[in-house]
Amino acid sequence: MNPYKIIVIDDNLSVLRTLKLVLNGVFKTVVTVPDPKLIPAMLNVGDVDVVLLDMNFDARKLDGEEGLFWLNRINEMPNPPAVVLITAFGDIDLAVRSVQQGAEDFITKPWDNQTLIQKLEAAITKHRAKQQTVSLAAEAVSLHNQMAANKQLSLEELEKKHILEVVDQVNGNLVNAAERLGISRQTLYNKLKKFGVII
């Protein structure tokens, strides 16, 4: 059994019951929901790894637009889970559109249980890799900005910044800060006094 949490959203209760039986032995947590309006509340905690989302909830409209609408709402949330869309009325164009709008994969009903499970697990892996790439890119931008800001500081300002960061890390304990900085407590005290910092 994998450690993942999945939410299955489909208005057909027999589909929900079947998917619960199929996925229960595979996913640590399987939650089934008939109403997509519950999505924001269910994803609020941030502990969901993948959403298996039906594309049609209104029997009069079978164009998949509802699924795409909810896919976009999920992707707007902070740290969204992977999304795999499922429908009985799928076509190639709809599959392409759903992936272009951020779905990790697309499954048509009726499904093959083993293929469904493989696609869900692959979607989680792929989604996490994408999130990690985004996170690393954000860190790189932040580091670049920090380095650019530091270039504009004088040597004395850089020293002051470093010393204050170390003092902050040890919660103001000057003995520990001096030790980390490799200077005596008196030298640290003199520097802080010079910088106009009162401890």
N, C-alpha and C. Protein backbone atom coordinates (compact mmCIF):
# COMPACT_ATOMS: atom_id res chain seq x y z
N MET A 1 0.85 -1.20 0.00
CA MET A 1 0.00 0.00 0.00
C MET A 1 0.88 1.25 0.00
N ASN A 2 0.55 2.19 -0.89
CA ASN A 2 1.33 3.42 -0.92
C ASN A 2 0.83 4.39 0.18
N PRO A 3 1.62 5.41 0.52
CA PRO A 3 1.24 6.30 1.63
C PRO A 3 0.37 7.47 1.22
N TYR A 4 -0.18 7.46 0.00
CA TYR A 4 -0.85 8.64 -0.55
C TYR A 4 -2.32 8.76 -0.15
N LYS A 5 -2.79 10.01 -0.22
CA LYS A 5 -4.22 10.29 -0.01
C LYS A 5 -4.82 10.73 -1.33
N ILE A 6 -5.94 10.10 -1.69
CA ILE A 6 -6.63 10.42 -2.93
C ILE A 6 -8.06 10.86 -2.63
N ILE A 7 -8.53 11.86 -3.37
CA ILE A 7 -9.94 12.25 -3.32
C ILE A 7 -10.54 11.94 -4.69
N VAL A 8 -11.63 11.18 -4.68
CA VAL A 8 -12.33 10.83 -5.91
C VAL A 8 -13.62 11.64 -5.94
N ILE A 9 -13.84 12.40 -7.02
CA ILE A 9 -15.03 13.25 -7.11
C ILE A 9 -15.82 12.86 -8.37
N ASP A 10 -17.02 12.32 -8.14
CA ASP A 10 -17.87 11.87 -9.24
C ASP A 10 -19.30 11.90 -8.74
N ASP A 11 -20.23 12.37 -9.59
CA ASP A 11 -21.62 12.46 -9.15
C ASP A 11 -22.35 11.10 -9.22
N ASN A 12 -21.73 10.10 -9.83
CA ASN A 12 -22.33 8.78 -9.93
C ASN A 12 -21.92 7.95 -8.72
N LEU A 13 -22.88 7.67 -7.83
CA LEU A 13 -22.57 6.98 -6.58
C LEU A 13 -22.05 5.56 -6.79
N SER A 14 -22.53 4.89 -7.83
CA SER A 14 -22.03 3.52 -8.06
C SER A 14 -20.57 3.57 -8.54
N VAL A 15 -20.20 4.60 -9.30
CA VAL A 15 -18.80 4.78 -9.71
C VAL A 15 -17.94 5.05 -8.49
N LEU A 16 -18.44 5.89 -7.57
CA LEU A 16 -17.70 6.19 -6.34
C LEU A 16 -17.47 4.93 -5.52
N ARG A 17 -18.53 4.11 -5.37
CA ARG A 17 -18.40 2.87 -4.59
C ARG A 17 -17.37 1.93 -5.23
N THR A 18 -17.44 1.81 -6.55
CA THR A 18 -16.50 0.92 -7.27
C THR A 18 -15.07 1.41 -7.12
N LEU A 19 -14.86 2.72 -7.32
CA LEU A 19 -13.51 3.27 -7.20
C LEU A 19 -12.98 3.15 -5.78
N LYS A 20 -13.85 3.30 -4.80
CA LYS A 20 -13.42 3.14 -3.39
C LYS A 20 -12.91 1.72 -3.17
N LEU A 21 -13.64 0.72 -3.71
CA LEU A 21 -13.22 -0.68 -3.57
C LEU A 21 -11.89 -0.92 -4.29
N VAL A 22 -11.74 -0.38 -5.49
CA VAL A 22 -10.53 -0.59 -6.29
C VAL A 22 -9.31 0.06 -5.63
N LEU A 23 -9.49 1.27 -5.10
CA LEU A 23 -8.35 2.06 -4.60
C LEU A 23 -8.04 1.85 -3.13
N ASN A 24 -8.98 1.29 -2.37
CA ASN A 24 -8.80 1.13 -0.92
C ASN A 24 -7.56 0.35 -0.53
N GLY A 25 -7.23 -0.68 -1.24
CA GLY A 25 -6.05 -1.47 -0.88
C GLY A 25 -4.75 -0.91 -1.42
N VAL A 26 -4.85 0.16 -2.21
CA VAL A 26 -3.67 0.72 -2.86
C VAL A 26 -3.24 2.03 -2.20
N PHE A 27 -4.20 2.91 -1.92
CA PHE A 27 -3.93 4.20 -1.30
C PHE A 27 -4.20 4.14 0.20
N LYS A 28 -3.37 4.82 0.96
CA LYS A 28 -3.55 4.81 2.42
C LYS A 28 -4.90 5.42 2.79
N THR A 29 -5.27 6.51 2.12
CA THR A 29 -6.55 7.18 2.40
C THR A 29 -7.29 7.41 1.09
N VAL A 30 -8.55 6.95 1.05
CA VAL A 30 -9.40 7.15 -0.12
C VAL A 30 -10.67 7.85 0.34
N VAL A 31 -10.90 9.05 -0.18
CA VAL A 31 -12.10 9.81 0.16
C VAL A 31 -12.92 9.97 -1.11
N THR A 32 -14.20 9.64 -1.04
CA THR A 32 -15.07 9.79 -2.21
C THR A 32 -16.12 10.86 -1.95
N VAL A 33 -16.34 11.71 -2.95
CA VAL A 33 -17.23 12.85 -2.81
C VAL A 33 -18.07 13.00 -4.07
N PRO A 34 -19.40 13.20 -3.94
CA PRO A 34 -20.23 13.34 -5.14
C PRO A 34 -20.34 14.78 -5.66
N ASP A 35 -19.91 15.76 -4.87
CA ASP A 35 -20.15 17.16 -5.24
C ASP A 35 -18.83 17.94 -5.35
N PRO A 36 -18.51 18.46 -6.53
CA PRO A 36 -17.24 19.18 -6.69
C PRO A 36 -17.16 20.49 -5.90
N LYS A 37 -18.31 20.99 -5.44
CA LYS A 37 -18.28 22.25 -4.67
C LYS A 37 -17.54 22.08 -3.34
N LEU A 38 -17.33 20.83 -2.93
CA LEU A 38 -16.61 20.55 -1.68
C LEU A 38 -15.09 20.58 -1.86
N ILE A 39 -14.64 20.70 -3.10
CA ILE A 39 -13.19 20.65 -3.39
C ILE A 39 -12.38 21.66 -2.56
N PRO A 40 -12.75 22.96 -2.56
CA PRO A 40 -11.92 23.92 -1.81
C PRO A 40 -11.75 23.54 -0.33
N ALA A 41 -12.83 23.12 0.30
CA ALA A 41 -12.75 22.75 1.72
C ALA A 41 -11.88 21.51 1.92
N MET A 42 -12.00 20.54 1.01
CA MET A 42 -11.26 19.29 1.16
C MET A 42 -9.77 19.45 0.90
N LEU A 43 -9.41 20.44 0.09
CA LEU A 43 -7.99 20.65 -0.23
C LEU A 43 -7.34 21.69 0.67
N ASN A 44 -8.14 22.29 1.53
CA ASN A 44 -7.67 23.38 2.38
C ASN A 44 -6.52 22.96 3.30
N VAL A 45 -6.54 21.72 3.76
CA VAL A 45 -5.52 21.25 4.71
C VAL A 45 -4.18 21.02 4.01
N GLY A 46 -4.22 20.70 2.72
CA GLY A 46 -2.98 20.50 1.97
C GLY A 46 -2.38 19.11 2.10
N ASP A 47 -3.19 18.11 2.49
CA ASP A 47 -2.66 16.76 2.69
C ASP A 47 -3.06 15.78 1.59
N VAL A 48 -3.61 16.29 0.49
CA VAL A 48 -4.09 15.43 -0.60
C VAL A 48 -2.99 15.32 -1.65
N ASP A 49 -2.72 14.09 -2.10
CA ASP A 49 -1.68 13.86 -3.10
C ASP A 49 -2.23 13.89 -4.52
N VAL A 50 -3.45 13.38 -4.71
CA VAL A 50 -4.02 13.35 -6.05
C VAL A 50 -5.54 13.42 -5.98
N VAL A 51 -6.12 14.09 -6.97
CA VAL A 51 -7.58 14.17 -7.12
C VAL A 51 -7.94 13.46 -8.41
N LEU A 52 -8.86 12.49 -8.31
CA LEU A 52 -9.42 11.84 -9.49
C LEU A 52 -10.77 12.51 -9.73
N LEU A 53 -10.86 13.32 -10.76
CA LEU A 53 -11.98 14.23 -10.95
C LEU A 53 -12.79 13.90 -12.20
N ASP A 54 -14.09 13.67 -11.99
CA ASP A 54 -15.00 13.46 -13.12
C ASP A 54 -15.09 14.77 -13.90
N MET A 55 -15.40 14.69 -15.19
CA MET A 55 -15.45 15.89 -16.01
C MET A 55 -16.86 16.41 -16.23
N ASN A 56 -17.87 15.61 -15.90
CA ASN A 56 -19.25 16.03 -16.15
C ASN A 56 -20.12 15.77 -14.92
N PHE A 57 -20.76 16.83 -14.43
CA PHE A 57 -21.64 16.70 -13.26
C PHE A 57 -23.08 17.05 -13.59
N ASP A 58 -23.31 17.64 -14.74
CA ASP A 58 -24.65 18.01 -15.19
C ASP A 58 -24.98 17.13 -16.39
N ALA A 59 -26.03 16.30 -16.26
CA ALA A 59 -26.39 15.34 -17.31
C ALA A 59 -26.74 16.02 -18.64
N ARG A 60 -27.06 17.32 -18.58
CA ARG A 60 -27.42 18.03 -19.82
C ARG A 60 -26.20 18.55 -20.56
N LYS A 61 -25.06 18.60 -19.86
CA LYS A 61 -23.83 19.10 -20.48
C LYS A 61 -22.75 18.05 -20.35
N LEU A 62 -22.34 17.50 -21.47
CA LEU A 62 -21.34 16.43 -21.45
C LEU A 62 -20.09 16.82 -22.24
N ASP A 63 -19.73 18.12 -22.15
CA ASP A 63 -18.59 18.61 -22.93
C ASP A 63 -17.29 18.66 -22.13
N GLY A 64 -17.35 18.29 -20.85
CA GLY A 64 -16.15 18.29 -20.02
C GLY A 64 -15.77 19.63 -19.43
N GLU A 65 -16.56 20.68 -19.71
CA GLU A 65 -16.21 22.03 -19.23
C GLU A 65 -16.22 22.13 -17.70
N GLU A 66 -17.14 21.38 -17.07
CA GLU A 66 -17.17 21.43 -15.60
C GLU A 66 -15.88 20.88 -15.01
N GLY A 67 -15.40 19.80 -15.58
CA GLY A 67 -14.13 19.22 -15.11
C GLY A 67 -12.98 20.19 -15.29
N LEU A 68 -12.94 20.86 -16.44
CA LEU A 68 -11.88 21.84 -16.69
C LEU A 68 -11.99 23.03 -15.74
N PHE A 69 -13.24 23.43 -15.44
CA PHE A 69 -13.46 24.52 -14.49
C PHE A 69 -12.85 24.17 -13.13
N TRP A 70 -13.19 22.96 -12.63
CA TRP A 70 -12.70 22.56 -11.31
C TRP A 70 -11.20 22.27 -11.32
N LEU A 71 -10.69 21.79 -12.44
CA LEU A 71 -9.25 21.61 -12.58
C LEU A 71 -8.53 22.94 -12.38
N ASN A 72 -9.06 23.99 -13.02
CA ASN A 72 -8.45 25.32 -12.88
C ASN A 72 -8.55 25.85 -11.46
N ARG A 73 -9.69 25.60 -10.78
CA ARG A 73 -9.83 26.04 -9.40
C ARG A 73 -8.80 25.34 -8.50
N ILE A 74 -8.62 24.05 -8.72
CA ILE A 74 -7.63 23.28 -7.92
C ILE A 74 -6.23 23.84 -8.15
N ASN A 75 -5.89 24.09 -9.40
CA ASN A 75 -4.54 24.56 -9.72
C ASN A 75 -4.27 25.98 -9.23
N GLU A 76 -5.33 26.73 -8.92
CA GLU A 76 -5.16 28.08 -8.37
C GLU A 76 -4.84 28.05 -6.88
N MET A 77 -5.07 26.91 -6.24
CA MET A 77 -4.85 26.81 -4.80
C MET A 77 -3.36 26.73 -4.50
N PRO A 78 -2.95 27.16 -3.29
CA PRO A 78 -1.53 27.03 -2.94
C PRO A 78 -1.18 25.55 -2.80
N ASN A 79 -0.05 25.16 -3.36
CA ASN A 79 0.44 23.78 -3.28
C ASN A 79 -0.63 22.76 -3.68
N PRO A 80 -1.15 22.85 -4.91
CA PRO A 80 -2.24 21.97 -5.31
C PRO A 80 -1.77 20.53 -5.52
N PRO A 81 -2.68 19.55 -5.37
CA PRO A 81 -2.31 18.16 -5.62
C PRO A 81 -2.31 17.87 -7.13
N ALA A 82 -1.85 16.67 -7.49
CA ALA A 82 -1.96 16.23 -8.88
C ALA A 82 -3.44 16.01 -9.19
N VAL A 83 -3.82 16.22 -10.46
CA VAL A 83 -5.21 15.99 -10.86
C VAL A 83 -5.22 15.07 -12.07
N VAL A 84 -6.04 14.01 -11.97
CA VAL A 84 -6.29 13.11 -13.09
C VAL A 84 -7.77 13.20 -13.39
N LEU A 85 -8.11 13.47 -14.64
CA LEU A 85 -9.51 13.62 -15.02
C LEU A 85 -10.06 12.29 -15.55
N ILE A 86 -11.35 12.04 -15.28
CA ILE A 86 -11.99 10.80 -15.72
C ILE A 86 -13.37 11.12 -16.30
N THR A 87 -13.71 10.50 -17.42
CA THR A 87 -15.00 10.74 -18.04
C THR A 87 -15.41 9.60 -18.95
N ALA A 88 -16.71 9.45 -19.13
CA ALA A 88 -17.23 8.46 -20.07
C ALA A 88 -17.34 9.05 -21.47
N PHE A 89 -17.20 10.36 -21.55
CA PHE A 89 -17.40 11.04 -22.83
C PHE A 89 -16.11 11.71 -23.29
N GLY A 90 -15.01 10.98 -23.16
CA GLY A 90 -13.71 11.56 -23.50
C GLY A 90 -13.41 11.49 -24.98
N ASP A 91 -12.66 12.43 -25.44
CA ASP A 91 -12.11 12.36 -26.79
C ASP A 91 -10.71 12.93 -26.76
N ILE A 92 -9.99 12.78 -27.86
CA ILE A 92 -8.59 13.20 -27.90
C ILE A 92 -8.44 14.69 -27.64
N ASP A 93 -9.31 15.50 -28.25
CA ASP A 93 -9.22 16.96 -28.06
C ASP A 93 -9.39 17.35 -26.59
N LEU A 94 -10.35 16.70 -25.92
CA LEU A 94 -10.59 16.99 -24.51
C LEU A 94 -9.40 16.57 -23.66
N ALA A 95 -8.82 15.42 -23.98
CA ALA A 95 -7.65 14.94 -23.25
C ALA A 95 -6.50 15.93 -23.38
N VAL A 96 -6.27 16.41 -24.61
CA VAL A 96 -5.18 17.37 -24.86
C VAL A 96 -5.44 18.66 -24.09
N ARG A 97 -6.67 19.16 -24.15
CA ARG A 97 -7.02 20.41 -23.43
C ARG A 97 -6.81 20.26 -21.93
N SER A 98 -7.22 19.12 -21.38
CA SER A 98 -7.09 18.93 -19.93
C SER A 98 -5.63 18.91 -19.50
N VAL A 99 -4.77 18.26 -20.29
CA VAL A 99 -3.34 18.22 -19.96
C VAL A 99 -2.73 19.62 -20.14
N GLN A 100 -3.15 20.34 -21.18
CA GLN A 100 -2.65 21.71 -21.39
C GLN A 100 -3.03 22.62 -20.23
N GLN A 101 -4.18 22.34 -19.59
CA GLN A 101 -4.63 23.19 -18.48
C GLN A 101 -4.15 22.69 -17.12
N GLY A 102 -3.27 21.69 -17.11
CA GLY A 102 -2.64 21.32 -15.85
C GLY A 102 -2.97 19.95 -15.29
N ALA A 103 -3.81 19.17 -15.96
CA ALA A 103 -4.07 17.80 -15.48
C ALA A 103 -2.82 16.96 -15.76
N GLU A 104 -2.54 16.02 -14.88
CA GLU A 104 -1.40 15.14 -15.10
C GLU A 104 -1.74 14.03 -16.09
N ASP A 105 -3.02 13.63 -16.11
CA ASP A 105 -3.42 12.56 -17.02
C ASP A 105 -4.93 12.56 -17.21
N PHE A 106 -5.40 11.65 -18.04
CA PHE A 106 -6.80 11.60 -18.45
C PHE A 106 -7.19 10.13 -18.59
N ILE A 107 -8.32 9.74 -18.01
CA ILE A 107 -8.77 8.34 -18.06
C ILE A 107 -10.22 8.31 -18.54
N THR A 108 -10.53 7.35 -19.40
CA THR A 108 -11.92 7.21 -19.86
C THR A 108 -12.59 6.03 -19.16
N LYS A 109 -13.90 6.17 -18.97
CA LYS A 109 -14.72 5.09 -18.41
C LYS A 109 -15.25 4.25 -19.57
N PRO A 110 -15.35 2.96 -19.44
CA PRO A 110 -14.88 2.13 -18.32
C PRO A 110 -13.35 2.05 -18.32
N TRP A 111 -12.78 1.85 -17.16
CA TRP A 111 -11.33 1.86 -17.03
C TRP A 111 -10.82 0.46 -16.68
N ASP A 112 -9.56 0.26 -16.91
CA ASP A 112 -8.86 -0.94 -16.46
C ASP A 112 -8.24 -0.61 -15.10
N ASN A 113 -8.54 -1.41 -14.08
CA ASN A 113 -8.09 -1.10 -12.71
C ASN A 113 -6.58 -0.90 -12.61
N GLN A 114 -5.80 -1.80 -13.21
CA GLN A 114 -4.35 -1.71 -13.10
C GLN A 114 -3.82 -0.46 -13.79
N THR A 115 -4.38 -0.14 -14.95
CA THR A 115 -3.96 1.07 -15.67
C THR A 115 -4.31 2.32 -14.87
N LEU A 116 -5.50 2.31 -14.29
CA LEU A 116 -5.95 3.45 -13.46
C LEU A 116 -4.96 3.68 -12.31
N ILE A 117 -4.63 2.62 -11.59
CA ILE A 117 -3.71 2.74 -10.44
C ILE A 117 -2.34 3.24 -10.89
N GLN A 118 -1.84 2.67 -12.00
CA GLN A 118 -0.53 3.09 -12.51
C GLN A 118 -0.54 4.56 -12.90
N LYS A 119 -1.62 4.99 -13.55
CA LYS A 119 -1.71 6.40 -13.97
C LYS A 119 -1.78 7.34 -12.77
N LEU A 120 -2.50 6.94 -11.73
CA LEU A 120 -2.62 7.78 -10.53
C LEU A 120 -1.27 7.90 -9.83
N GLU A 121 -0.57 6.79 -9.67
CA GLU A 121 0.74 6.82 -8.99
C GLU A 121 1.76 7.60 -9.82
N ALA A 122 1.72 7.41 -11.15
CA ALA A 122 2.63 8.15 -12.03
C ALA A 122 2.33 9.64 -11.98
N ALA A 123 1.04 9.99 -11.89
CA ALA A 123 0.65 11.41 -11.82
C ALA A 123 1.23 12.08 -10.57
N ILE A 124 1.20 11.37 -9.45
CA ILE A 124 1.75 11.92 -8.20
C ILE A 124 3.25 12.15 -8.36
N THR A 125 3.96 11.16 -8.87
CA THR A 125 5.41 11.28 -9.06
C THR A 125 5.76 12.44 -9.99
N LYS A 126 5.06 12.51 -11.12
CA LYS A 126 5.30 13.58 -12.10
C LYS A 126 5.00 14.95 -11.51
N HIS A 127 3.89 15.05 -10.79
CA HIS A 127 3.46 16.32 -10.19
C HIS A 127 4.48 16.79 -9.15
N ARG A 128 4.95 15.86 -8.32
CA ARG A 128 5.93 16.22 -7.29
C ARG A 128 7.24 16.69 -7.91
N ALA A 129 7.64 16.05 -9.00
CA ALA A 129 8.87 16.46 -9.69
C ALA A 129 8.73 17.88 -10.23
N LYS A 130 7.54 18.18 -10.79
CA LYS A 130 7.27 19.54 -11.31
C LYS A 130 7.32 20.56 -10.18
N GLN A 131 6.68 20.22 -9.04
CA GLN A 131 6.66 21.15 -7.90
C GLN A 131 8.07 21.41 -7.38
N GLN A 132 8.88 20.35 -7.36
CA GLN A 132 10.25 20.49 -6.88
C GLN A 132 11.05 21.41 -7.81
N THR A 133 10.82 21.29 -9.11
CA THR A 133 11.50 22.14 -10.09
C THR A 133 11.10 23.60 -9.88
N VAL A 134 9.80 23.84 -9.67
CA VAL A 134 9.30 25.20 -9.43
C VAL A 134 9.91 25.76 -8.15
N SER A 135 9.97 24.92 -7.11
CA SER A 135 10.52 25.34 -5.83
C SER A 135 12.00 25.69 -5.96
N LEU A 136 12.76 24.86 -6.68
CA LEU A 136 14.20 25.12 -6.88
C LEU A 136 14.41 26.40 -7.69
N ALA A 137 13.55 26.62 -8.69
CA ALA A 137 13.66 27.84 -9.50
C ALA A 137 13.39 29.07 -8.64
N ALA A 138 12.40 28.99 -7.76
CA ALA A 138 12.08 30.11 -6.86
C ALA A 138 13.24 30.38 -5.91
N GLU A 139 13.86 29.30 -5.40
CA GLU A 139 15.01 29.44 -4.50
C GLU A 139 16.17 30.11 -5.23
N ALA A 140 16.38 29.70 -6.50
CA ALA A 140 17.48 30.27 -7.29
C ALA A 140 17.26 31.77 -7.51
N VAL A 141 16.03 32.16 -7.81
CA VAL A 141 15.70 33.58 -8.02
C VAL A 141 15.93 34.35 -6.72
N SER A 142 15.48 33.77 -5.60
CA SER A 142 15.65 34.41 -4.30
C SER A 142 17.13 34.59 -3.96
N LEU A 143 17.92 33.54 -4.21
CA LEU A 143 19.36 33.61 -3.95
C LEU A 143 20.03 34.66 -4.83
N HIS A 144 19.62 34.69 -6.10
CA HIS A 144 20.17 35.68 -7.03
C HIS A 144 19.86 37.10 -6.55
N ASN A 145 18.60 37.32 -6.14
CA ASN A 145 18.20 38.64 -5.64
C ASN A 145 18.96 39.02 -4.38
N GLN A 146 19.16 38.02 -3.51
CA GLN A 146 19.89 38.27 -2.26
C GLN A 146 21.36 38.63 -2.57
N MET A 147 21.95 37.91 -3.52
CA MET A 147 23.34 38.19 -3.90
C MET A 147 23.45 39.58 -4.53
N ALA A 148 22.47 39.93 -5.35
CA ALA A 148 22.48 41.26 -5.98
C ALA A 148 22.37 42.35 -4.92
N ALA A 149 21.52 42.10 -3.91
CA ALA A 149 21.36 43.09 -2.83
C ALA A 149 22.64 43.19 -2.01
N ASN A 150 23.29 42.03 -1.76
CA ASN A 150 24.52 42.02 -0.98
C ASN A 150 25.67 42.73 -1.68
N LYS A 151 25.67 42.68 -3.04
CA LYS A 151 26.73 43.35 -3.80
C LYS A 151 26.72 44.84 -3.55
N GLN A 152 25.55 45.38 -3.25
CA GLN A 152 25.42 46.81 -3.06
C GLN A 152 25.80 47.24 -1.64
N LEU A 153 26.02 46.26 -0.76
CA LEU A 153 26.39 46.58 0.62
C LEU A 153 27.90 46.77 0.73
N SER A 154 28.31 47.66 1.62
CA SER A 154 29.75 47.82 1.88
C SER A 154 30.21 46.62 2.71
N LEU A 155 31.52 46.46 2.84
CA LEU A 155 32.09 45.36 3.62
C LEU A 155 31.59 45.42 5.06
N GLU A 156 31.53 46.62 5.61
CA GLU A 156 31.07 46.80 6.99
C GLU A 156 29.59 46.41 7.12
N GLU A 157 28.80 46.80 6.13
CA GLU A 157 27.38 46.46 6.17
C GLU A 157 27.16 44.95 6.05
N LEU A 158 28.00 44.30 5.21
CA LEU A 158 27.92 42.84 5.08
C LEU A 158 28.26 42.16 6.41
N GLU A 159 29.32 42.67 7.06
CA GLU A 159 29.74 42.11 8.35
C GLU A 159 28.62 42.28 9.38
N LYS A 160 28.04 43.47 9.41
CA LYS A 160 26.95 43.74 10.35
C LYS A 160 25.77 42.79 10.10
N LYS A 161 25.42 42.63 8.83
CA LYS A 161 24.31 41.76 8.46
C LYS A 161 24.58 40.32 8.92
N HIS A 162 25.79 39.85 8.66
CA HIS A 162 26.15 38.48 9.04
C HIS A 162 26.12 38.30 10.57
N ILE A 163 26.69 39.24 11.28
CA ILE A 163 26.73 39.14 12.75
C ILE A 163 25.32 39.14 13.32
N LEU A 164 24.47 40.03 12.83
CA LEU A 164 23.10 40.10 13.34
C LEU A 164 22.30 38.82 13.02
N GLU A 165 22.56 38.23 11.86
CA GLU A 165 21.89 36.97 11.51
C GLU A 165 22.30 35.87 12.48
N VAL A 166 23.60 35.81 12.80
CA VAL A 166 24.10 34.78 13.73
C VAL A 166 23.52 35.01 15.13
N VAL A 167 23.52 36.25 15.58
CA VAL A 167 22.95 36.59 16.91
C VAL A 167 21.48 36.19 16.95
N ASP A 168 20.76 36.44 15.86
CA ASP A 168 19.35 36.07 15.78
C ASP A 168 19.16 34.55 15.83
N GLN A 169 20.04 33.82 15.15
CA GLN A 169 19.95 32.36 15.12
C GLN A 169 20.11 31.74 16.51
N VAL A 170 20.90 32.38 17.36
CA VAL A 170 21.12 31.84 18.72
C VAL A 170 20.27 32.58 19.76
N ASN A 171 19.23 33.26 19.26
CA ASN A 171 18.27 33.96 20.14
C ASN A 171 18.94 34.96 21.08
N GLY A 172 19.94 35.69 20.55
CA GLY A 172 20.56 36.76 21.33
C GLY A 172 21.62 36.31 22.32
N ASN A 173 21.95 35.04 22.36
CA ASN A 173 22.98 34.53 23.28
C ASN A 173 24.35 34.90 22.72
N LEU A 174 25.00 35.92 23.31
CA LEU A 174 26.26 36.44 22.78
C LEU A 174 27.41 35.44 22.91
N VAL A 175 27.39 34.60 23.92
CA VAL A 175 28.45 33.60 24.08
C VAL A 175 28.41 32.63 22.90
N ASN A 176 27.20 32.13 22.61
CA ASN A 176 27.04 31.21 21.48
C ASN A 176 27.33 31.90 20.14
N ALA A 177 26.88 33.14 20.02
CA ALA A 177 27.10 33.88 18.78
C ALA A 177 28.60 34.09 18.54
N ALA A 178 29.33 34.50 19.57
CA ALA A 178 30.77 34.72 19.45
C ALA A 178 31.47 33.43 19.06
N GLU A 179 31.03 32.33 19.66
CA GLU A 179 31.60 31.02 19.35
C GLU A 179 31.39 30.68 17.87
N ARG A 180 30.17 30.89 17.39
CA ARG A 180 29.86 30.60 15.98
C ARG A 180 30.65 31.50 15.04
N LEU A 181 30.86 32.74 15.45
CA LEU A 181 31.57 33.70 14.60
C LEU A 181 33.09 33.55 14.70
N GLY A 182 33.55 32.80 15.72
CA GLY A 182 34.99 32.60 15.89
C GLY A 182 35.71 33.82 16.43
N ILE A 183 34.99 34.61 17.24
CA ILE A 183 35.59 35.79 17.88
C ILE A 183 35.26 35.75 19.36
N SER A 184 35.95 36.61 20.14
CA SER A 184 35.67 36.64 21.58
C SER A 184 34.36 37.38 21.83
N ARG A 185 33.81 37.14 23.02
CA ARG A 185 32.55 37.80 23.39
C ARG A 185 32.76 39.32 23.43
N GLN A 186 33.93 39.74 23.93
CA GLN A 186 34.22 41.18 24.03
C GLN A 186 34.30 41.81 22.63
N THR A 187 34.94 41.11 21.69
CA THR A 187 35.03 41.61 20.31
C THR A 187 33.64 41.75 19.71
N LEU A 188 32.81 40.72 19.94
CA LEU A 188 31.43 40.76 19.44
C LEU A 188 30.69 41.94 20.05
N TYR A 189 30.84 42.13 21.36
CA TYR A 189 30.17 43.24 22.04
C TYR A 189 30.61 44.58 21.46
N ASN A 190 31.92 44.72 21.21
CA ASN A 190 32.46 45.96 20.65
C ASN A 190 31.90 46.22 19.25
N LYS A 191 31.81 45.16 18.45
CA LYS A 191 31.28 45.31 17.09
C LYS A 191 29.81 45.73 17.14
N LEU A 192 29.04 45.09 18.01
CA LEU A 192 27.62 45.43 18.13
C LEU A 192 27.45 46.88 18.56
N LYS A 193 28.31 47.31 19.49
CA LYS A 193 28.27 48.69 19.98
C LYS A 193 28.59 49.65 18.84
N LYS A 194 29.60 49.28 18.01
CA LYS A 194 29.99 50.09 16.86
C LYS A 194 28.85 50.21 15.85
N PHE A 195 28.08 49.07 15.70
CA PHE A 195 26.96 49.07 14.77
C PHE A 195 25.72 49.76 15.34
N GLY A 196 25.83 50.17 16.61
CA GLY A 196 24.68 50.85 17.23
C GLY A 196 23.60 49.89 17.68
N VAL A 197 23.99 48.62 17.91
CA VAL A 197 23.02 47.60 18.34
C VAL A 197 23.16 47.42 19.84
N ILE A 198 22.03 47.56 20.54
CA ILE A 198 22.04 47.40 21.99
C ILE A 198 21.46 46.03 22.33
N ILE A 199 22.23 45.21 23.02
CA ILE A 199 21.77 43.86 23.40
C ILE A 199 21.53 43.84 24.90
